[in-house]
Amino acid sequence: MKKTALVIMAAGIGSRFGNGIKQLAPVGPHGEIIMDYSICDALEAGFNKIVFIIRKDLEEEFRKVIGERVEKVAEVAYAFQELDDLPEGFVKPKDRTKPWGTGQAVLAAKKILSEPFVVINADDYYGKSAFQKVHDYLVNASFEDEKIHICMAGFRLGNTLSDNGSVTRGICHITDGQLSGITETHDIFKTADGAETRENDDVQKLNVKGLVSMNMWGLTPAFMDVLEKGFVEFLKEIKPGDIKKEYLLPTVIDHLIKNQSACVEVLETKDQWFGVTYQEDKQIVMEAIKKLTDEGKYPDRLYES
């Protein structure tokens, strides 16, 4: 069996969720968290290694809440995303408190990843089919050119909205099944007849069947070298006083597409996404998990035969 890894980005602060660590909020019938369901789906799809990207200050609680449980059913490794973990010659700006972004998060796992992997957010539920499609791509794809080959799970916008406020989504531009670009779109609201963005007070209707990126990428170790070089270039461009700019996976991948050094295949899934963006989302997620469990999509207790 080919080795493949599930990489979970769980170092985010989660300020919009209020007090507490939103990635560790229980949503299942026996205290399971969203990550438990992603891990269950990934293992079922064929992934056989779990990598958690966390902050060092979360380690003790993280291991207690989920890590020790997952270690019983799969190989587990940890990587730590820290503000001062920078390439040689760079130092953290004095006033910087914001994490460096998803690009640096994945890069933190470079030393412990030697196999193809899927990367996801810790607080998003993606559904079973997305994991299966990405896994199949990673183990079956074969290419003879020198480009970086990537896949992305594409979710229908209408399946990714919150009832409790606006969201930000990467709206995908697709040509012949290949991603040709991503437009980061803010202030997207669910409406009675669909969805609209109110970014900068400019209201525009959006196609709810259009595909968006939810940061679920199928990647290979070769991508890590590109990510590492790109982080150095990103840091060189940081201006004094710029303490919020982030090194983001979609931006990196969009740049690779634009300079024709990468091909990104979009794998559409019609599964319903849900996540805990706002405190009020938690009850909705709990009800959705209960419904899936009642329907037999998940056992009452995960990981147990």
Protein backbone atom coordinates (compact mmCIF):
# COMPACT_ATOMS: atom_id res chain seq x y z
CA MET A 1 0.00 0.00 0.00
CA LYS A 2 1.37 3.42 -0.99
CA LYS A 3 2.11 5.70 1.95
CA THR A 4 -0.05 8.82 2.02
CA ALA A 5 -0.54 11.37 4.77
CA LEU A 6 -3.32 13.56 6.07
CA VAL A 7 -1.92 16.93 7.18
CA ILE A 8 -4.19 18.93 9.48
CA MET A 9 -3.55 22.65 10.02
CA ALA A 10 -4.62 23.25 13.61
CA ALA A 11 -2.45 26.15 14.78
CA GLY A 12 -5.01 28.90 14.12
CA ILE A 13 -6.04 31.14 16.96
CA GLY A 14 -9.75 31.09 16.05
CA SER A 15 -10.60 34.58 17.32
CA ARG A 16 -14.08 34.68 15.72
CA PHE A 17 -15.10 31.64 17.75
CA GLY A 18 -14.64 33.57 21.00
CA ASN A 19 -12.83 32.19 24.02
CA GLY A 20 -11.49 28.67 23.83
CA ILE A 21 -9.81 26.61 21.15
CA LYS A 22 -12.40 26.10 18.41
CA GLN A 23 -10.51 23.21 16.79
CA LEU A 24 -11.01 21.24 20.02
CA ALA A 25 -14.70 22.00 20.55
CA PRO A 26 -16.71 18.74 20.99
CA VAL A 27 -19.42 18.20 18.37
CA GLY A 28 -19.98 14.42 18.35
CA PRO A 29 -22.16 12.20 20.57
CA HIS A 30 -19.19 11.17 22.74
CA GLY A 31 -17.17 14.38 22.67
CA GLU A 32 -15.66 13.87 19.21
CA ILE A 33 -14.34 16.97 17.47
CA ILE A 34 -14.52 17.83 13.76
CA MET A 35 -10.98 16.54 13.23
CA ASP A 36 -12.08 13.09 14.40
CA TYR A 37 -14.48 12.86 11.45
CA SER A 38 -11.88 14.07 8.95
CA ILE A 39 -9.40 11.50 10.27
CA CYS A 40 -12.04 8.76 10.11
CA ASP A 41 -12.86 9.65 6.49
CA ALA A 42 -9.18 9.89 5.54
CA LEU A 43 -8.33 6.49 7.03
CA GLU A 44 -11.34 4.97 5.26
CA ALA A 45 -10.13 6.49 1.96
CA GLY A 46 -6.68 4.93 2.40
CA PHE A 47 -4.51 7.60 4.05
CA ASN A 48 -2.29 5.95 6.64
CA LYS A 49 -0.35 8.71 8.41
CA ILE A 50 -1.71 11.70 10.33
CA VAL A 51 0.33 14.89 10.75
CA PHE A 52 -0.94 17.57 13.12
CA ILE A 53 0.38 21.11 12.66
CA ILE A 54 -0.13 22.94 15.94
CA ARG A 55 1.40 25.60 18.14
CA LYS A 56 3.77 24.43 20.83
CA ASP A 57 1.62 25.99 23.56
CA LEU A 58 -1.34 23.82 22.43
CA GLU A 59 0.58 20.54 22.50
CA GLU A 60 -0.38 19.24 25.94
CA GLU A 61 -4.10 19.89 25.54
CA PHE A 62 -4.09 18.77 21.92
CA ARG A 63 -2.52 15.41 22.71
CA LYS A 64 -5.00 14.87 25.53
CA VAL A 65 -8.11 15.80 23.53
CA ILE A 66 -7.32 13.96 20.28
CA GLY A 67 -3.68 12.97 19.71
CA GLU A 68 -3.52 10.07 22.16
CA ARG A 69 -6.75 8.65 20.76
CA VAL A 70 -5.61 8.78 17.13
CA GLU A 71 -2.23 7.24 17.97
CA LYS A 72 -4.07 3.99 18.72
CA VAL A 73 -5.29 3.63 15.13
CA ALA A 74 -2.71 5.37 12.91
CA GLU A 75 0.85 6.65 12.67
CA VAL A 76 0.90 10.18 14.11
CA ALA A 77 3.46 12.98 13.83
CA TYR A 78 3.50 16.58 15.04
CA ALA A 79 4.85 19.75 13.47
CA PHE A 80 4.89 23.14 15.15
CA GLN A 81 4.03 26.45 13.49
CA GLU A 82 5.71 29.27 15.37
CA LEU A 83 6.12 32.96 14.62
CA ASP A 84 9.90 32.84 15.07
CA ASP A 85 10.42 29.72 12.93
CA LEU A 86 11.93 31.62 10.01
CA PRO A 87 14.66 30.94 7.43
CA GLU A 88 18.21 31.95 8.28
CA GLY A 89 18.71 35.70 8.06
CA PHE A 90 15.18 36.67 9.04
CA VAL A 91 13.76 37.64 12.44
CA LYS A 92 10.20 38.09 13.62
CA PRO A 93 9.06 41.73 13.48
CA LYS A 94 8.77 43.11 16.99
CA ASP A 95 5.02 43.73 16.91
CA ARG A 96 4.03 40.64 14.89
CA THR A 97 1.38 38.52 16.65
CA LYS A 98 -0.52 37.19 13.62
CA PRO A 99 0.54 33.72 12.32
CA TRP A 100 2.45 33.71 9.02
CA GLY A 101 -0.33 31.84 7.21
CA THR A 102 -1.15 28.45 5.73
CA GLY A 103 1.98 28.38 3.55
CA GLN A 104 4.25 28.52 6.59
CA ALA A 105 1.99 26.04 8.40
CA VAL A 106 2.50 23.34 5.76
CA LEU A 107 6.20 24.19 5.46
CA ALA A 108 6.57 23.44 9.17
CA ALA A 109 5.95 19.76 8.33
CA LYS A 110 8.65 19.55 5.62
CA LYS A 111 11.04 17.41 7.66
CA ILE A 112 8.43 14.79 8.54
CA LEU A 113 6.76 14.40 5.13
CA SER A 114 8.28 12.19 2.46
CA GLU A 115 5.02 10.91 0.98
CA PRO A 116 2.13 12.48 -1.01
CA PHE A 117 -0.32 14.20 1.30
CA VAL A 118 -3.63 16.00 1.56
CA VAL A 119 -3.77 19.18 3.62
CA ILE A 120 -6.93 20.41 5.34
CA ASN A 121 -8.15 22.91 7.92
CA ALA A 122 -8.76 21.50 11.40
CA ASP A 123 -12.17 23.09 11.87
CA ASP A 124 -13.75 22.13 8.54
CA TYR A 125 -15.84 19.04 7.78
CA TYR A 126 -15.22 17.99 4.16
CA GLY A 127 -17.23 14.79 3.66
CA LYS A 128 -16.16 11.34 2.54
CA SER A 129 -16.02 11.74 -1.24
CA ALA A 130 -13.44 14.54 -1.18
CA PHE A 131 -10.95 12.37 0.73
CA GLN A 132 -11.56 9.44 -1.59
CA LYS A 133 -11.06 11.53 -4.73
CA VAL A 134 -7.89 13.19 -3.49
CA HIS A 135 -6.44 9.88 -2.30
CA ASP A 136 -7.14 8.21 -5.65
CA TYR A 137 -5.42 11.09 -7.44
CA LEU A 138 -2.33 10.91 -5.23
CA VAL A 139 -1.83 7.16 -5.58
CA ASN A 140 -2.78 6.76 -9.25
CA ALA A 141 -1.60 9.92 -11.00
CA SER A 142 1.51 9.59 -13.16
CA PHE A 143 3.13 12.47 -15.02
CA GLU A 144 6.20 12.72 -17.24
CA ASP A 145 6.66 16.50 -17.41
CA GLU A 146 8.60 18.64 -14.94
CA LYS A 147 5.63 20.60 -13.62
CA ILE A 148 4.37 20.43 -10.05
CA HIS A 149 1.14 18.42 -10.10
CA ILE A 150 -1.49 19.30 -7.54
CA CYS A 151 -5.13 18.47 -7.01
CA MET A 152 -7.79 20.42 -5.18
CA ALA A 153 -11.19 19.39 -3.84
CA GLY A 154 -13.70 21.84 -5.27
CA PHE A 155 -16.84 22.47 -3.23
CA ARG A 156 -20.01 24.11 -4.48
CA LEU A 157 -20.25 27.57 -2.94
CA GLY A 158 -23.82 26.94 -1.80
CA ASN A 159 -22.61 23.99 0.29
CA THR A 160 -20.05 26.07 2.19
CA LEU A 161 -22.00 29.01 3.60
CA SER A 162 -22.74 29.90 7.23
CA ASP A 163 -26.17 30.88 8.54
CA ASN A 164 -24.51 33.08 11.15
CA GLY A 165 -22.42 35.57 9.23
CA SER A 166 -20.13 36.20 6.30
CA VAL A 167 -17.37 33.91 5.07
CA THR A 168 -14.32 34.25 2.85
CA ARG A 169 -13.97 31.78 -0.02
CA GLY A 170 -11.50 31.23 -2.82
CA ILE A 171 -13.68 31.36 -5.95
CA CYS A 172 -12.19 29.02 -8.56
CA HIS A 173 -11.69 29.71 -12.25
CA ILE A 174 -11.57 26.42 -14.14
CA THR A 175 -10.61 25.55 -17.70
CA ASP A 176 -10.97 21.94 -18.94
CA GLY A 177 -10.94 20.61 -15.38
CA GLN A 178 -7.77 22.52 -14.50
CA LEU A 179 -7.61 25.42 -12.07
CA SER A 180 -6.66 28.60 -13.92
CA GLY A 181 -6.92 30.96 -10.95
CA ILE A 182 -8.47 31.70 -7.57
CA THR A 183 -10.14 34.93 -6.52
CA GLU A 184 -10.15 35.40 -2.76
CA THR A 185 -13.60 36.81 -2.08
CA HIS A 186 -14.58 38.29 1.27
CA ASP A 187 -17.90 39.11 2.95
CA ILE A 188 -19.93 36.36 1.28
CA PHE A 189 -23.40 36.09 2.78
CA LYS A 190 -26.07 33.44 2.42
CA THR A 191 -29.29 34.96 1.08
CA ALA A 192 -32.87 33.79 0.60
CA ASP A 193 -32.23 33.07 -3.08
CA GLY A 194 -28.53 32.16 -3.07
CA ALA A 195 -25.42 34.08 -2.10
CA GLU A 196 -23.84 37.48 -2.56
CA THR A 197 -20.64 39.27 -1.71
CA ARG A 198 -20.79 42.66 -0.02
CA GLU A 199 -17.08 43.32 -0.16
CA ASN A 200 -16.29 47.04 0.10
CA ASP A 201 -20.07 47.75 0.01
CA ASP A 202 -20.17 46.48 -3.58
CA VAL A 203 -22.99 43.91 -3.66
CA GLN A 204 -22.67 41.17 -6.27
CA LYS A 205 -24.67 37.98 -6.75
CA LEU A 206 -22.68 34.76 -6.77
CA ASN A 207 -23.31 31.40 -8.43
CA VAL A 208 -24.01 28.93 -5.62
CA LYS A 209 -23.09 26.04 -7.94
CA GLY A 210 -19.70 27.56 -8.70
CA LEU A 211 -16.71 25.80 -7.14
CA VAL A 212 -14.66 27.22 -4.30
CA SER A 213 -11.48 26.16 -2.54
CA MET A 214 -11.79 25.12 1.11
CA ASN A 215 -8.03 24.63 1.50
CA MET A 216 -8.11 20.93 0.72
CA TRP A 217 -5.09 20.29 -1.48
CA GLY A 218 -3.44 17.10 -2.70
CA LEU A 219 0.32 17.74 -2.74
CA THR A 220 3.65 15.95 -3.09
CA PRO A 221 7.02 16.41 -1.34
CA ALA A 222 8.25 18.29 -4.43
CA PHE A 223 5.85 21.09 -3.55
CA MET A 224 7.70 21.62 -0.26
CA ASP A 225 10.83 22.81 -2.04
CA VAL A 226 8.78 25.38 -3.95
CA LEU A 227 7.05 26.43 -0.74
CA GLU A 228 10.37 26.88 1.04
CA LYS A 229 11.87 29.08 -1.70
CA GLY A 230 8.65 31.06 -1.94
CA PHE A 231 8.64 31.81 1.79
CA VAL A 232 12.06 33.41 1.52
CA GLU A 233 10.84 35.61 -1.34
CA PHE A 234 7.72 36.50 0.65
CA LEU A 235 9.77 37.56 3.68
CA LYS A 236 12.06 39.70 1.52
CA GLU A 237 9.03 41.69 0.38
CA ILE A 238 7.70 42.38 3.89
CA LYS A 239 7.77 46.12 4.56
CA PRO A 240 8.64 47.57 7.98
CA GLY A 241 5.45 47.86 10.00
CA ASP A 242 3.58 45.27 7.91
CA ILE A 243 2.62 42.89 10.72
CA LYS A 244 -0.42 41.21 9.16
CA LYS A 245 0.60 40.01 5.69
CA GLU A 246 0.34 36.22 5.35
CA TYR A 247 2.00 33.57 3.22
CA LEU A 248 -1.05 31.67 1.94
CA LEU A 249 -1.34 28.36 0.08
CA PRO A 250 -3.89 29.63 -2.48
CA THR A 251 -1.67 32.60 -3.30
CA VAL A 252 1.38 30.37 -3.75
CA ILE A 253 -0.51 27.92 -5.95
CA ASP A 254 -2.12 30.71 -7.97
CA HIS A 255 1.37 32.09 -8.67
CA LEU A 256 2.58 28.66 -9.81
CA ILE A 257 -0.37 28.41 -12.20
CA LYS A 258 0.25 31.88 -13.59
CA ASN A 259 3.91 31.16 -14.36
CA GLN A 260 2.94 27.75 -15.83
CA SER A 261 5.06 25.73 -13.42
CA ALA A 262 2.13 23.81 -11.93
CA CYS A 263 -1.02 22.03 -13.04
CA VAL A 264 -3.92 21.84 -10.60
CA GLU A 265 -6.70 19.35 -11.24
CA VAL A 266 -10.04 20.26 -9.66
CA LEU A 267 -11.94 17.32 -8.16
CA GLU A 268 -15.55 18.34 -7.65
CA THR A 269 -17.43 17.11 -4.62
CA LYS A 270 -21.11 17.73 -3.96
CA ASP A 271 -20.81 16.92 -0.27
CA GLN A 272 -22.04 19.46 2.25
CA TRP A 273 -19.23 21.31 3.99
CA PHE A 274 -19.71 22.60 7.49
CA GLY A 275 -17.47 24.17 10.07
CA VAL A 276 -17.29 26.27 13.20
CA THR A 277 -16.55 29.78 12.01
CA TYR A 278 -18.82 31.45 14.57
CA GLN A 279 -19.88 30.34 18.06
CA GLU A 280 -23.43 29.89 16.78
CA ASP A 281 -22.23 27.39 14.15
CA LYS A 282 -21.41 24.81 16.81
CA GLN A 283 -25.04 23.74 17.38
CA ILE A 284 -25.61 23.39 13.62
CA VAL A 285 -22.51 21.20 13.32
CA MET A 286 -23.62 19.04 16.25
CA GLU A 287 -27.02 18.49 14.65
CA ALA A 288 -25.41 17.64 11.29
CA ILE A 289 -23.06 15.11 12.91
CA LYS A 290 -25.96 13.52 14.78
CA LYS A 291 -27.93 13.20 11.53
CA LEU A 292 -24.97 11.56 9.75
CA THR A 293 -24.52 9.17 12.68
CA ASP A 294 -28.23 8.31 12.78
CA GLU A 295 -28.10 7.60 9.03
CA GLY A 296 -25.24 5.14 9.59
CA LYS A 297 -22.60 7.24 7.80
CA TYR A 298 -20.52 7.06 10.98
CA PRO A 299 -20.48 4.57 13.85
CA ASP A 300 -21.62 5.80 17.24
CA ARG A 301 -18.01 5.60 18.38
CA LEU A 302 -15.35 6.38 15.80
CA TYR A 303 -12.24 4.19 15.25
CA GLU A 304 -13.93 1.24 16.98
CA SER A 305 -14.85 -1.89 15.03
